[in-house]
């Protein structure tokens, strides 16, 4: 029986932050820039991100999912940096990405990622709206969502919106008839505790949709933590998995940089999925941190 290996990393916040022009420091970018200079910048290192990406590629996964926040302030140059990072991981056939809130940080550049990262978030078939997209890779159906919306300073919340949730219901209903393992990619985790300022505003609607039409795995990021929560489903609970920031320096209070591998095999009704987390050991080596049977 063949095994499909899906890799998952998130929130690289690609460092170092490009120095913005004064004209670009307007609105929310001012607070974000000061936050990076005074606090966040010390927790994100390029050497950590590069080493983690190299280790991921050495595992030779069948596909890579990146669940958002490649940028920091949504500066135009950051979308070029994001594309270069995705290209290092592979081409659009091997890598899928969705946006995070930092990729839609301000209205002026919201949606820039759609053009800059087009081949990495285009669905297999033409569609009238960019999200959700559907990509079939081996036995896996990847459903990419966008919870990324510009927000006020100090807010990092997300929203799918009723139209996207309706389209998600249609996609999931169609997939019920196919023999595939359904993986949903969403930046803001729809389950588990978090600050009101960082919540997915329509998480209850998402959970109801997924419970009704079914899914096998939900991958997310946003909180920079390693976590496994669940959404109640009719047949069984649906795992919701988060990973830390892929550039988080050792000693980060939310957890050092890590990524996950999901080994998927079986058939509908008999799927098996084992998760392996890989990250930095105390002596600075990248090792297997834990394995967990998700189903």
Protein backbone atom coordinates (compact mmCIF):
# COMPACT_ATOMS: atom_id res chain seq x y z
CA UNK A 1 0.00 0.00 0.00
CA UNK A 2 1.53 3.33 -1.06
CA UNK A 3 1.99 6.18 1.41
CA UNK A 4 1.43 9.83 0.47
CA UNK A 5 3.59 12.22 2.51
CA UNK A 6 2.29 15.76 2.98
CA UNK A 7 4.56 18.37 4.59
CA UNK A 8 3.12 21.38 6.43
CA UNK A 9 4.84 24.57 7.51
CA UNK A 10 3.43 27.96 8.38
CA UNK A 11 4.11 31.55 9.37
CA UNK A 12 7.68 31.94 8.09
CA UNK A 13 7.35 35.74 8.37
CA UNK A 14 10.29 35.76 6.01
CA UNK A 15 13.17 37.63 7.67
CA UNK A 16 14.84 40.02 7.57
CA UNK A 17 12.15 42.65 7.18
CA UNK A 18 12.81 44.87 4.17
CA UNK A 19 13.29 48.48 5.20
CA UNK A 20 10.13 50.29 4.09
CA UNK A 21 10.11 53.68 2.44
CA UNK A 22 8.61 56.44 4.62
CA UNK A 23 5.61 56.65 2.29
CA UNK A 24 4.87 52.98 2.95
CA UNK A 25 4.67 53.47 6.72
CA UNK A 26 1.06 54.53 6.92
CA UNK A 27 -1.84 53.19 8.93
CA UNK A 28 -1.37 49.75 10.46
CA UNK A 29 2.13 49.38 9.02
CA UNK A 30 3.45 51.94 11.53
CA UNK A 31 2.50 49.83 14.54
CA UNK A 32 3.60 46.64 12.78
CA UNK A 33 6.98 48.12 11.92
CA UNK A 34 7.59 49.31 15.47
CA UNK A 35 6.48 45.93 16.82
CA UNK A 36 8.97 44.17 14.53
CA UNK A 37 11.82 46.48 15.55
CA UNK A 38 11.10 46.32 19.27
CA UNK A 39 9.92 42.73 19.72
CA UNK A 40 8.97 40.44 16.83
CA UNK A 41 12.19 40.75 14.83
CA UNK A 42 14.22 39.08 17.55
CA UNK A 43 12.05 35.97 17.33
CA UNK A 44 12.39 35.36 13.57
CA UNK A 45 15.69 34.31 12.00
CA UNK A 46 16.51 33.61 8.37
CA UNK A 47 19.14 30.99 9.19
CA UNK A 48 16.53 29.05 11.16
CA UNK A 49 14.05 29.22 8.27
CA UNK A 50 16.66 28.16 5.73
CA UNK A 51 17.78 25.17 7.78
CA UNK A 52 14.20 24.06 8.41
CA UNK A 53 13.35 24.32 4.70
CA UNK A 54 16.45 22.30 3.80
CA UNK A 55 15.48 19.57 6.25
CA UNK A 56 11.94 19.48 4.88
CA UNK A 57 13.22 19.04 1.32
CA UNK A 58 15.57 16.27 2.51
CA UNK A 59 12.50 14.29 3.65
CA UNK A 60 11.28 14.29 0.01
CA UNK A 61 7.55 14.78 0.72
CA UNK A 62 5.05 14.27 -2.09
CA UNK A 63 3.56 17.73 -1.50
CA UNK A 64 4.11 20.79 0.68
CA UNK A 65 1.36 22.95 2.22
CA UNK A 66 2.20 26.45 3.48
CA UNK A 67 -0.57 27.97 5.59
CA UNK A 68 0.17 31.66 5.31
CA UNK A 69 2.00 34.64 6.75
CA UNK A 70 4.97 34.69 4.41
CA UNK A 71 4.97 38.49 4.68
CA UNK A 72 5.18 40.81 7.66
CA UNK A 73 3.80 44.20 6.59
CA UNK A 74 2.56 43.28 3.09
CA UNK A 75 5.21 45.46 1.49
CA UNK A 76 5.39 44.95 -2.30
CA UNK A 77 8.89 43.46 -2.06
CA UNK A 78 7.67 40.87 0.45
CA UNK A 79 5.48 39.21 -2.16
CA UNK A 80 8.56 38.74 -4.35
CA UNK A 81 10.39 37.29 -1.35
CA UNK A 82 7.44 35.00 -0.73
CA UNK A 83 7.48 33.72 -4.28
CA UNK A 84 11.23 33.04 -4.06
CA UNK A 85 10.68 31.07 -0.85
CA UNK A 86 7.89 29.01 -2.40
CA UNK A 87 10.03 28.32 -5.46
CA UNK A 88 12.75 26.98 -3.18
CA UNK A 89 10.25 24.44 -1.83
CA UNK A 90 9.12 23.41 -5.31
CA UNK A 91 6.92 24.39 -8.22
CA UNK A 92 3.17 24.90 -8.16
CA UNK A 93 2.51 21.21 -8.71
CA UNK A 94 4.37 20.28 -5.53
CA UNK A 95 3.57 23.27 -3.29
CA UNK A 96 0.26 24.82 -2.20
CA UNK A 97 -0.09 28.08 -0.29
CA UNK A 98 -2.88 30.12 1.27
CA UNK A 99 -2.64 33.70 2.60
CA UNK A 100 -2.40 34.70 6.24
CA UNK A 101 -3.43 37.96 7.85
CA UNK A 102 0.07 39.43 7.39
CA UNK A 103 -0.25 38.74 3.66
CA UNK A 104 -3.37 40.95 3.69
CA UNK A 105 -2.03 43.41 6.25
CA UNK A 106 -3.29 46.61 4.61
CA UNK A 107 -5.92 47.36 2.00
CA UNK A 108 -3.41 48.98 -0.36
CA UNK A 109 -1.76 45.64 -1.21
CA UNK A 110 -4.51 43.20 -0.24
CA UNK A 111 -4.79 40.56 -2.94
CA UNK A 112 -1.28 41.12 -4.29
CA UNK A 113 -0.47 37.53 -3.35
CA UNK A 114 -3.03 36.31 -5.91
CA UNK A 115 -0.78 37.41 -8.73
CA UNK A 116 2.60 36.97 -7.08
CA UNK A 117 1.92 33.40 -5.93
CA UNK A 118 -0.56 32.45 -8.66
CA UNK A 119 0.80 29.03 -9.57
CA UNK A 120 0.85 28.01 -5.89
CA UNK A 121 -2.80 28.82 -5.14
CA UNK A 122 -4.55 28.14 -8.42
CA UNK A 123 -7.12 25.36 -8.38
CA UNK A 124 -6.91 22.51 -10.87
CA UNK A 125 -9.97 23.85 -12.73
CA UNK A 126 -10.99 27.38 -13.67
CA UNK A 127 -13.23 29.04 -11.11
CA UNK A 128 -14.98 32.38 -10.67
CA UNK A 129 -13.59 33.07 -7.17
CA UNK A 130 -10.04 32.34 -5.94
CA UNK A 131 -11.17 30.56 -2.76
CA UNK A 132 -11.79 27.86 -1.96
CA UNK A 133 -9.49 26.27 -4.48
CA UNK A 134 -9.34 22.52 -5.06
CA UNK A 135 -6.14 20.68 -5.96
CA UNK A 136 -5.93 16.90 -6.27
CA UNK A 137 -2.55 15.35 -5.57
CA UNK A 138 -2.43 11.57 -5.46
CA UNK A 139 -5.10 10.37 -3.00
CA UNK A 140 -5.32 13.84 -1.40
CA UNK A 141 -7.76 16.64 -2.19
CA UNK A 142 -6.37 19.97 -0.96
CA UNK A 143 -9.00 22.64 -0.30
CA UNK A 144 -7.44 26.07 0.16
CA UNK A 145 -9.33 28.82 2.00
CA UNK A 146 -8.58 32.47 2.72
CA UNK A 147 -9.34 33.87 6.17
CA UNK A 148 -7.00 36.80 5.45
CA UNK A 149 -8.63 40.23 5.67
CA UNK A 150 -7.15 43.67 6.50
CA UNK A 151 -7.89 44.62 10.10
CA UNK A 152 -7.41 47.57 12.44
CA UNK A 153 -4.13 48.03 14.35
CA UNK A 154 -3.61 45.46 17.13
CA UNK A 155 -6.19 43.11 15.56
CA UNK A 156 -5.15 39.85 13.89
CA UNK A 157 -8.56 38.28 13.42
CA UNK A 158 -9.74 36.51 10.28
CA UNK A 159 -12.94 35.93 8.40
CA UNK A 160 -14.10 33.56 5.66
CA UNK A 161 -17.41 35.20 4.86
CA UNK A 162 -20.73 33.58 4.01
CA UNK A 163 -20.02 33.36 0.26
CA UNK A 164 -16.79 31.43 0.77
CA UNK A 165 -18.44 29.14 3.31
CA UNK A 166 -21.23 28.43 0.81
CA UNK A 167 -18.68 27.55 -1.87
CA UNK A 168 -16.81 25.37 0.63
CA UNK A 169 -20.01 23.44 1.31
CA UNK A 170 -20.42 22.79 -2.43
CA UNK A 171 -16.82 21.56 -2.79
CA UNK A 172 -17.04 19.27 0.24
CA UNK A 173 -20.40 17.89 -0.87
CA UNK A 174 -18.91 16.93 -4.25
CA UNK A 175 -15.88 15.33 -2.61
CA UNK A 176 -18.13 13.04 -0.57
CA UNK A 177 -18.58 11.02 -3.75
CA UNK A 178 -14.84 10.73 -4.48
CA UNK A 179 -12.29 8.34 -3.05
CA UNK A 180 -9.93 10.95 -1.64
CA UNK A 181 -8.43 12.16 1.63
CA UNK A 182 -9.76 15.70 2.18
CA UNK A 183 -7.32 18.26 3.63
CA UNK A 184 -8.48 21.82 4.33
CA UNK A 185 -5.88 24.60 4.51
CA UNK A 186 -6.88 27.65 6.58
CA UNK A 187 -4.62 30.19 8.27
CA UNK A 188 -6.70 30.99 11.37
CA UNK A 189 -7.29 27.84 13.40
CA UNK A 190 -11.05 27.14 13.69
CA UNK A 191 -10.73 25.19 16.95
CA UNK A 192 -8.90 25.64 20.24
CA UNK A 193 -8.56 28.60 22.63
CA UNK A 194 -7.11 31.95 21.51
CA UNK A 195 -7.37 35.68 22.08
CA UNK A 196 -10.51 37.46 20.89
CA UNK A 197 -8.21 39.73 18.87
CA UNK A 198 -6.79 36.74 16.95
CA UNK A 199 -9.93 34.68 16.42
CA UNK A 200 -11.56 33.38 13.28
CA UNK A 201 -14.77 35.39 13.41
CA UNK A 202 -16.94 32.80 11.67
CA UNK A 203 -15.34 29.71 13.16
CA UNK A 204 -18.74 28.29 14.25
CA UNK A 205 -19.98 28.45 10.66
CA UNK A 206 -16.83 26.72 9.43
CA UNK A 207 -17.13 23.97 12.03
CA UNK A 208 -20.80 23.41 11.16
CA UNK A 209 -19.99 23.16 7.44
CA UNK A 210 -17.15 20.70 7.96
CA UNK A 211 -19.16 18.61 10.41
CA UNK A 212 -22.03 18.39 7.93
CA UNK A 213 -20.10 17.60 4.73
CA UNK A 214 -16.97 15.99 6.13
CA UNK A 215 -13.21 16.39 5.94
CA UNK A 216 -10.27 14.31 7.09
CA UNK A 217 -7.72 16.88 8.24
CA UNK A 218 -7.55 20.66 8.80
CA UNK A 219 -4.14 22.37 8.70
CA UNK A 220 -3.57 25.87 10.05
CA UNK A 221 -1.07 28.22 11.66
CA UNK A 222 -1.43 31.79 12.92
CA UNK A 223 -0.81 31.28 16.65
CA UNK A 224 2.83 30.09 16.22
CA UNK A 225 2.19 27.05 18.40
CA UNK A 226 2.17 23.29 18.01
CA UNK A 227 -1.35 22.08 18.73
CA UNK A 228 -3.86 19.40 17.81
CA UNK A 229 -7.54 20.12 18.40
CA UNK A 230 -10.70 18.57 16.97
CA UNK A 231 -13.94 19.43 15.24
CA UNK A 232 -16.86 17.12 15.92
CA UNK A 233 -17.90 15.12 12.87
CA UNK A 234 -20.73 12.70 12.16
CA UNK A 235 -18.38 9.77 11.58
CA UNK A 236 -15.45 10.75 13.81
CA UNK A 237 -13.64 13.84 15.13
CA UNK A 238 -11.70 15.84 12.51
CA UNK A 239 -8.15 16.81 13.60
CA UNK A 240 -7.19 20.49 13.43
CA UNK A 241 -3.39 20.81 13.48
CA UNK A 242 -1.27 23.93 14.00
CA UNK A 243 2.50 24.31 13.63
CA UNK A 244 4.87 26.93 15.08
CA UNK A 245 6.41 29.70 13.01
CA UNK A 246 8.91 28.22 10.55
CA UNK A 247 11.43 30.95 11.44
CA UNK A 248 10.95 31.01 15.23
CA UNK A 249 14.27 31.28 17.03
CA UNK A 250 15.21 28.86 19.82
CA UNK A 251 13.74 30.04 23.08
CA UNK A 252 10.65 31.57 21.49
CA UNK A 253 8.01 31.32 24.26
CA UNK A 254 5.46 29.86 21.83
CA UNK A 255 7.84 27.21 20.54
CA UNK A 256 10.85 26.98 18.26
CA UNK A 257 10.60 26.50 14.50
CA UNK A 258 9.11 23.19 13.36
CA UNK A 259 7.10 21.60 10.59
CA UNK A 260 4.94 18.50 10.28
CA UNK A 261 4.87 15.49 8.00
CA UNK A 262 1.61 13.58 7.52
CA UNK A 263 1.87 10.02 6.22
CA UNK A 264 -1.45 9.18 4.61
CA UNK A 265 -2.51 5.74 3.42
CA UNK A 266 -5.59 3.57 3.12
CA UNK A 267 -8.98 4.18 1.52
CA UNK A 268 -12.27 5.98 2.34
CA UNK A 269 -13.54 4.71 5.65
CA UNK A 270 -10.16 3.14 6.36
CA UNK A 271 -7.76 6.07 6.15
CA UNK A 272 -4.65 6.12 8.31
CA UNK A 273 -2.68 9.30 9.03
CA UNK A 274 0.40 9.55 11.20
CA UNK A 275 1.86 12.95 12.04
CA UNK A 276 5.57 13.50 12.64
CA UNK A 277 6.83 16.87 13.95
CA UNK A 278 10.39 17.88 13.09
CA UNK A 279 12.22 20.79 14.70
CA UNK A 280 15.25 21.89 16.64
CA UNK A 281 16.68 19.92 19.55
CA UNK A 282 18.39 21.70 22.48
CA UNK A 283 21.79 21.15 20.83
CA UNK A 284 20.62 22.89 17.63
CA UNK A 285 20.09 19.84 15.43
CA UNK A 286 16.86 19.22 13.51
CA UNK A 287 15.32 16.00 14.74
CA UNK A 288 12.02 14.18 14.99
CA UNK A 289 10.25 15.75 17.98
CA UNK A 290 7.21 13.52 18.22
CA UNK A 291 4.91 11.21 16.31
CA UNK A 292 1.16 11.04 16.76
CA UNK A 293 -1.49 8.85 15.17
CA UNK A 294 -4.27 11.17 13.99
CA UNK A 295 -6.50 8.38 12.67
